[in-house]
Protein backbone atom coordinates (compact mmCIF):
# COMPACT_ATOMS: atom_id res chain seq x y z
CA MET A 1 8.16 -31.12 -2.25
CA ASP A 2 7.62 -33.04 1.00
CA ILE A 3 11.34 -32.72 1.77
CA VAL A 4 11.24 -28.97 1.22
CA LEU A 5 8.06 -28.76 3.28
CA GLU A 6 9.60 -30.69 6.18
CA ILE A 7 12.62 -28.38 6.25
CA ALA A 8 10.38 -25.29 6.15
CA ASP A 9 8.15 -26.71 8.90
CA SER A 10 11.08 -27.58 11.15
CA PHE A 11 12.91 -24.27 10.95
CA ILE A 12 10.22 -21.68 10.22
CA LEU A 13 6.60 -22.76 10.03
CA ASP A 14 6.07 -24.86 13.17
CA PRO A 15 6.61 -21.91 15.54
CA LEU A 16 4.49 -19.64 13.33
CA TYR A 17 1.50 -21.98 13.25
CA ALA A 18 1.83 -22.65 16.98
CA MET A 19 1.75 -18.90 17.62
CA LEU A 20 -0.98 -17.95 15.15
CA LEU A 21 -3.18 -21.04 15.60
CA PRO A 22 -2.45 -22.46 19.07
CA ALA A 23 -4.13 -25.71 20.06
CA HIS A 24 -7.29 -25.35 22.11
CA THR A 25 -6.66 -28.21 24.54
CA THR A 26 -3.42 -29.69 25.82
CA SER A 27 -2.42 -32.42 28.16
CA TRP A 28 0.83 -33.51 29.76
CA VAL A 29 2.19 -36.61 28.13
CA SER A 30 4.39 -39.04 29.99
CA ASN A 31 8.03 -39.40 29.11
CA ALA A 32 7.43 -43.01 28.06
CA THR A 33 4.66 -42.01 25.64
CA LEU A 34 6.76 -39.22 24.19
CA SER A 35 9.69 -41.57 23.76
CA SER A 36 7.63 -44.14 21.93
CA MET A 37 5.87 -41.60 19.72
CA ARG A 38 8.40 -38.95 18.70
CA GLN A 39 11.50 -38.62 20.88
CA GLU A 40 10.59 -35.16 22.23
CA PRO A 41 12.08 -33.19 25.14
CA THR A 42 10.28 -34.03 28.37
CA GLY A 43 7.67 -31.96 30.15
CA PHE A 44 5.92 -29.77 27.58
CA ALA A 45 2.25 -29.59 26.78
CA VAL A 46 0.98 -31.16 23.59
CA PRO A 47 -2.52 -31.40 22.14
CA HIS A 48 -4.55 -34.56 21.79
CA ALA A 49 -3.42 -35.16 18.19
CA THR A 50 -3.01 -38.23 16.04
CA TRP A 51 -0.23 -36.82 13.88
CA GLN A 52 3.14 -38.49 14.30
CA TYR A 53 6.40 -37.50 12.75
CA GLU A 54 7.62 -39.51 9.78
CA PRO A 55 10.72 -38.25 7.93
CA ALA A 56 10.14 -37.24 4.32
CA THR A 57 13.32 -39.09 3.37
CA LYS A 58 15.35 -41.88 4.88
CA TYR A 59 18.59 -40.00 4.23
CA PHE A 60 18.07 -37.48 7.02
CA SER A 61 15.50 -36.50 9.61
CA ILE A 62 14.82 -33.38 11.64
CA GLU A 63 13.23 -34.18 14.98
CA PRO A 64 10.27 -31.82 15.46
CA SER A 65 10.33 -29.28 18.25
CA LYS A 66 7.41 -28.90 20.64
CA TYR A 67 5.86 -26.36 18.27
CA ALA A 68 5.07 -29.12 15.79
CA TYR A 69 2.50 -30.46 18.28
CA THR A 70 1.00 -27.26 19.66
CA SER A 71 -1.00 -25.89 16.73
CA GLN A 72 -4.60 -26.48 15.71
CA TRP A 73 -3.26 -27.38 12.28
CA SER A 74 -0.94 -30.35 12.44
CA ARG A 75 1.63 -30.88 9.70
CA ASP A 76 -0.63 -33.30 7.82
CA ASP A 77 -3.62 -30.93 7.77
CA TRP A 78 -4.36 -30.20 4.10
CA ARG A 79 -5.19 -26.55 4.88
CA ARG A 80 -1.81 -26.03 6.47
CA GLN A 81 -0.04 -27.87 3.67
CA ALA A 82 -1.84 -25.74 1.09
CA LEU A 83 -0.91 -22.46 2.77
CA SER A 84 2.67 -23.57 3.43
CA LEU A 85 3.23 -24.82 -0.11
CA TYR A 86 1.74 -21.65 -1.55
CA LEU A 87 4.14 -19.49 0.44
CA ILE A 88 7.11 -21.74 -0.36
CA THR A 89 6.30 -21.77 -4.09
CA TRP A 90 5.82 -18.02 -4.24
CA LEU A 91 8.79 -16.98 -2.13
CA PHE A 92 11.14 -19.66 -3.47
CA GLY A 93 10.40 -18.51 -7.00
CA VAL A 94 11.06 -14.89 -6.06
CA VAL A 95 14.35 -15.74 -4.33
CA VAL A 96 15.67 -17.88 -7.21
CA TYR A 97 14.61 -15.23 -9.72
CA TYR A 98 16.28 -12.30 -7.99
CA VAL A 99 19.41 -14.16 -6.89
CA PHE A 100 20.25 -15.67 -10.27
CA ALA A 101 18.93 -12.86 -12.46
CA THR A 102 20.91 -10.35 -10.41
CA ALA A 103 24.05 -12.49 -10.56
CA SER A 104 23.64 -12.85 -14.31
CA TYR A 105 23.04 -9.14 -14.70
CA PHE A 106 26.24 -8.17 -12.88
CA PHE A 107 28.56 -10.92 -14.09
CA VAL A 108 27.28 -12.01 -17.51
CA PHE A 109 24.85 -9.59 -19.14
CA ASP A 110 26.35 -7.19 -21.70
CA LYS A 111 25.30 -3.69 -20.60
CA THR A 112 25.78 -2.29 -24.10
CA THR A 113 22.40 -3.88 -24.82
CA PHE A 114 20.95 -0.74 -23.22
CA ASN A 115 21.91 1.12 -26.39
CA HIS A 116 20.06 -1.21 -28.74
CA PRO A 117 17.34 0.70 -30.62
CA ARG A 118 14.69 -1.78 -29.45
CA TYR A 119 15.60 -1.74 -25.78
CA LEU A 120 12.67 -0.31 -23.81
CA LYS A 121 12.58 2.74 -21.60
CA ASN A 122 12.83 1.63 -17.92
CA GLN A 123 12.87 -1.96 -19.16
CA ILE A 124 14.41 -3.66 -16.12
CA LYS A 125 11.91 -2.00 -13.80
CA LEU A 126 9.08 -3.13 -16.09
CA GLU A 127 10.45 -6.68 -16.23
CA MET A 128 10.64 -6.88 -12.44
CA ARG A 129 7.14 -5.50 -12.07
CA GLN A 130 5.71 -8.10 -14.47
CA ALA A 131 7.55 -10.92 -12.67
CA ASN A 132 6.35 -9.71 -9.26
CA VAL A 133 2.75 -9.78 -10.51
CA ALA A 134 3.16 -13.26 -12.01
CA PHE A 135 4.76 -15.09 -9.08
CA PRO A 136 1.91 -15.09 -6.51
CA ILE A 137 -0.74 -15.90 -9.14
CA MET A 138 1.33 -18.71 -10.61
CA ALA A 139 1.84 -20.10 -7.10
CA VAL A 140 -1.95 -20.41 -6.68
CA MET A 141 -2.29 -22.30 -9.97
CA THR A 142 0.67 -24.56 -9.19
CA LEU A 143 -0.57 -25.41 -5.70
CA PRO A 144 -2.84 -28.40 -6.61
CA TRP A 145 0.13 -30.21 -8.18
CA PHE A 146 2.29 -29.80 -5.09
CA ILE A 147 -0.56 -30.77 -2.75
CA ALA A 148 -1.09 -33.96 -4.75
CA GLU A 149 2.65 -34.72 -4.60
CA VAL A 150 2.94 -34.19 -0.85
CA ARG A 151 -0.16 -36.30 -0.20
CA GLY A 152 1.28 -39.24 -2.13
CA TYR A 153 -0.49 -39.20 -5.49
CA SER A 154 2.61 -38.84 -7.67
CA LYS A 155 5.32 -41.34 -8.62
CA LEU A 156 8.03 -39.53 -6.71
CA TYR A 157 10.25 -41.94 -4.78
CA ASP A 158 12.86 -41.56 -2.08
CA SER A 159 15.58 -44.23 -2.21
CA VAL A 160 17.13 -46.23 -5.04
CA GLU A 161 15.42 -49.34 -3.67
CA GLU A 162 12.02 -47.72 -4.21
CA GLY A 163 12.79 -46.72 -7.80
CA PRO A 164 13.08 -48.80 -10.99
CA GLY A 165 16.78 -49.41 -10.35
CA ILE A 166 20.22 -47.81 -10.17
CA TRP A 167 20.26 -47.28 -13.95
CA TYR A 168 17.13 -45.15 -13.67
CA ASN A 169 18.82 -42.78 -11.22
CA TYR A 170 20.91 -41.62 -14.17
CA MET A 171 18.38 -42.00 -16.97
CA GLN A 172 15.69 -39.98 -15.22
CA PHE A 173 17.53 -36.74 -16.00
CA PRO A 174 17.66 -37.04 -19.82
CA MET A 175 14.15 -38.54 -19.78
CA PHE A 176 12.82 -35.56 -17.83
CA LEU A 177 14.56 -33.06 -20.13
CA LEU A 178 13.41 -34.78 -23.33
CA PHE A 179 9.81 -35.10 -22.13
CA THR A 180 9.51 -31.52 -20.91
CA ASP A 181 11.40 -30.09 -23.89
CA SER A 182 8.83 -31.69 -26.20
CA LEU A 183 5.77 -30.46 -24.31
CA VAL A 184 7.16 -26.98 -23.72
CA TYR A 185 7.78 -26.66 -27.46
CA TRP A 186 4.17 -27.41 -28.36
CA ILE A 187 2.71 -25.33 -25.54
CA HIS A 188 4.97 -22.40 -26.41
CA ARG A 189 4.11 -22.68 -30.09
CA GLY A 190 0.43 -22.80 -29.18
CA LEU A 191 0.82 -19.59 -27.19
CA HIS A 192 1.82 -17.89 -30.45
CA HIS A 193 -1.50 -18.72 -32.09
CA PRO A 194 -3.20 -15.41 -32.99
CA SER A 195 -6.24 -16.19 -30.83
CA VAL A 196 -4.04 -16.68 -27.75
CA TYR A 197 -0.93 -14.57 -28.29
CA LYS A 198 -2.22 -11.06 -27.59
CA TYR A 199 -4.06 -12.15 -24.44
CA VAL A 200 -1.45 -14.38 -22.81
CA HIS A 201 1.98 -14.46 -24.45
CA LYS A 202 2.35 -10.88 -25.64
CA PRO A 203 3.56 -9.51 -22.25
CA HIS A 204 6.69 -11.68 -22.46
CA HIS A 205 7.39 -10.53 -26.01
CA LYS A 206 7.31 -6.94 -24.91
CA TRP A 207 11.03 -7.44 -24.27
CA ILE A 208 12.65 -7.38 -27.71
CA MET A 209 16.15 -7.30 -26.24
CA PRO A 210 15.61 -9.08 -22.92
CA THR A 211 17.74 -8.81 -19.80
CA PRO A 212 18.04 -11.64 -17.24
CA PHE A 213 15.10 -10.06 -15.40
CA ALA A 214 12.87 -10.83 -18.40
CA SER A 215 13.24 -14.56 -17.65
CA HIS A 216 10.13 -14.71 -15.47
CA ALA A 217 8.44 -11.53 -16.70
CA PHE A 218 5.36 -12.99 -18.31
CA HIS A 219 1.60 -13.25 -17.92
CA PRO A 220 0.78 -15.70 -15.07
CA LEU A 221 -1.16 -18.00 -17.41
CA ASP A 222 1.78 -18.01 -19.81
CA GLY A 223 4.28 -19.00 -17.13
CA TYR A 224 1.93 -21.61 -15.68
CA ALA A 225 1.17 -23.15 -19.08
CA GLN A 226 4.86 -23.56 -19.87
CA SER A 227 5.51 -25.04 -16.41
CA LEU A 228 2.86 -27.76 -16.79
CA PRO A 229 5.23 -30.37 -18.29
CA TYR A 230 7.42 -30.20 -15.18
CA HIS A 231 4.44 -30.96 -12.95
CA ILE A 232 2.93 -33.60 -15.21
CA TYR A 233 6.11 -35.67 -15.47
CA PRO A 234 6.23 -37.12 -11.90
CA PHE A 235 2.59 -38.21 -12.22
CA LEU A 236 3.41 -40.25 -15.31
CA PHE A 237 6.95 -41.45 -14.63
CA PRO A 238 8.98 -42.30 -11.53
CA LEU A 239 11.25 -39.49 -10.35
CA SER A 240 13.56 -39.25 -7.36
CA LYS A 241 12.51 -36.66 -4.79
CA PHE A 242 15.99 -35.18 -4.73
CA ALA A 243 16.20 -35.16 -8.53
CA TYR A 244 12.86 -33.36 -8.63
CA VAL A 245 14.04 -30.56 -6.34
CA ALA A 246 17.32 -30.27 -8.26
CA LEU A 247 15.52 -30.15 -11.61
CA PHE A 248 13.03 -27.61 -10.28
CA VAL A 249 15.93 -25.30 -9.40
CA PHE A 250 17.71 -26.05 -12.68
CA VAL A 251 14.66 -25.16 -14.77
CA ASN A 252 14.42 -21.75 -13.11
CA ILE A 253 18.13 -21.07 -13.55
CA TRP A 254 18.05 -22.19 -17.19
CA THR A 255 15.20 -19.77 -17.82
CA VAL A 256 17.46 -16.97 -16.59
CA LEU A 257 20.43 -18.19 -18.64
CA ILE A 258 18.63 -18.13 -21.99
CA HIS A 259 17.74 -14.48 -21.38
CA ASP A 260 21.20 -13.29 -20.33
CA GLY A 261 22.39 -12.23 -23.79
CA GLU A 262 25.70 -14.09 -23.44
CA TYR A 263 26.16 -16.06 -26.65
CA ALA A 264 28.79 -18.45 -25.38
CA HIS A 265 28.22 -21.19 -27.92
CA ASN A 266 26.83 -21.59 -31.41
CA SER A 267 25.52 -25.09 -30.90
CA PRO A 268 23.17 -26.63 -33.46
CA ILE A 269 21.70 -28.77 -30.65
CA ILE A 270 21.41 -26.62 -27.53
CA ASN A 271 18.74 -23.96 -27.45
CA GLY A 272 20.81 -21.40 -25.57
CA ALA A 273 20.71 -17.62 -25.24
CA ALA A 274 21.51 -17.03 -28.91
CA CYS A 275 18.61 -19.18 -30.11
CA HIS A 276 16.24 -17.58 -27.63
CA THR A 277 17.35 -14.10 -28.66
CA MET A 278 16.26 -15.05 -32.18
CA HIS A 279 12.87 -15.91 -30.71
CA HIS A 280 12.51 -12.50 -29.07
CA LEU A 281 13.71 -10.70 -32.18
CA TYR A 282 11.74 -12.63 -34.80
CA PHE A 283 8.87 -14.11 -32.72
CA ASN A 284 7.91 -17.24 -34.66
CA TYR A 285 11.10 -19.27 -34.35
CA ASN A 286 12.97 -21.33 -31.75
CA TYR A 287 10.15 -22.27 -29.38
CA GLY A 288 12.20 -24.99 -27.67
CA GLN A 289 13.43 -24.87 -24.10
CA TYR A 290 16.64 -26.93 -24.01
CA THR A 291 17.28 -28.27 -27.50
CA THR A 292 16.61 -27.37 -31.11
CA LEU A 293 15.22 -30.86 -31.83
CA TRP A 294 11.53 -30.00 -31.93
CA ASP A 295 12.10 -26.73 -33.76
CA ARG A 296 13.92 -28.67 -36.46
CA LEU A 297 11.18 -31.30 -36.63
CA GLY A 298 8.48 -28.63 -36.56
CA GLY A 299 10.13 -26.41 -39.17
CA SER A 300 10.51 -23.47 -36.78
CA TYR A 301 14.27 -23.50 -36.25
CA ARG A 302 16.19 -20.33 -37.08
CA LYS A 303 19.96 -20.39 -36.86
CA PRO A 304 21.29 -17.53 -34.73
CA ASN A 305 22.73 -14.65 -36.71
CA ASP A 306 26.49 -14.91 -37.18
CA GLU A 307 27.07 -11.42 -35.82
CA LEU A 308 25.92 -12.53 -32.36
CA PHE A 309 29.16 -14.49 -31.99
CA GLN A 310 31.49 -11.81 -33.36
CA LYS A 311 32.35 -9.12 -30.84
CA GLU A 312 33.12 -6.53 -33.50
CA LEU A 313 29.67 -7.04 -35.09
CA LYS A 314 27.49 -7.98 -32.13
CA MET A 315 26.89 -4.36 -31.15
CA CYS A 316 27.48 -2.82 -34.57
CA GLN A 317 25.09 0.06 -35.30
CA SER A 318 24.42 -1.16 -38.84
CA GLU A 319 23.51 -4.64 -37.55
CA TRP A 320 21.28 -3.11 -34.88
CA LYS A 321 19.53 -1.07 -37.57
CA LYS A 322 18.86 -4.25 -39.58
CA GLN A 323 17.55 -6.00 -36.48
CA ALA A 324 15.31 -3.06 -35.59
CA GLN A 325 13.83 -2.99 -39.08
CA ALA A 326 13.18 -6.74 -39.02
CA VAL A 327 11.66 -6.48 -35.54
CA ASP A 328 9.32 -3.68 -36.58
CA GLU A 329 8.11 -5.78 -39.50
CA MET A 330 7.48 -8.77 -37.22
CA VAL A 331 5.70 -6.64 -34.61
CA GLN A 332 3.44 -5.23 -37.31
CA GLN A 333 2.78 -8.72 -38.65
CA VAL A 334 2.11 -10.35 -35.28
CA GLU A 335 0.59 -7.52 -33.24
CA GLY A 336 -0.74 -5.14 -35.86
CA ASP A 337 -1.06 -1.57 -34.65
CA GLU A 338 -1.14 -2.60 -30.98
CA ASN A 339 2.53 -1.85 -30.31
CA ASP A 340 2.58 -0.22 -26.87
CA ARG A 341 6.36 -0.26 -26.48
CA THR A 342 8.31 2.89 -25.67
CA TYR A 343 11.92 2.48 -26.71
CA ALA A 344 14.72 4.10 -24.72
CA SER A 345 16.42 5.38 -27.88
CA GLU A 346 13.24 7.20 -28.97
CA SER A 347 12.89 8.78 -25.53
CA LYS A 348 16.43 10.15 -25.76
CA LYS A 349 15.65 11.78 -29.09
CA HIS A 350 12.92 13.86 -27.48
CA LEU A 351 15.19 15.15 -24.71
């Protein structure tokens, strides 16, 4: 996250902090001192500060403007880092969510899902509302991990020379996916325990037939719990800084993809949209994130229904009726009489 933080500081945050928290005292620094310290334009006032610019990566650098030196909070101040990382985490999550969920909605999502008997009234609006509530709270809980990373407590590395070797630059990706897939499975399965489900995980299962906007529509503790493996990994194993950012984006996009309702493949290995639809329909199956490995080992794998991959049956009224009946039985079994869903099809009947 230090690379992301440096980019945000250089283009957005330095001027903001300089304006909102200007330095109390300044002095004119000689051109020679400036040249030796940070290669700045000549003749501007800077505070008596010990902070000096060091690029977050050797692959590129962004020379700080004068604003980087004219705030009470220098870039290495933990208070500033905390506030900056909180805003980045919150807003970055919102942007990725809306950009990719919207793209999926317009270009991938099958709109006939709206006619499914277990599609909720005003569901997309409800999904967005739940996601908007979750993002800022999750950002607070995630903050300690990012602060620890930026302040050098993780095993994130910059160049190949700093890592275990060239081979690891390729192996880190499957290692990351296998590690997180395992932990997400057990955390997700734990969230279905009766003593936890109705308090934490139930909001995400409100969406029986999810849209792409359901991807991040969960209770903040639910989303944070399932994100823990991604934050734990770089404290246990080496991980390239650039790989970390790329994987962070990938994880968020994948979460959208498995909620898009496009059953492009019937893979026995990949836990795609079809497998995850089974999870939303039947609750206690397919807890995995990327693969079906742990569901198979844990006895919780359920093969996607064949009709999902047959266009003539996918939206068949008789199949929908069967699904609705099975869903109602599962809801009664898992949630009892606490079903607070209002289905769009039932609302139409009363019009």
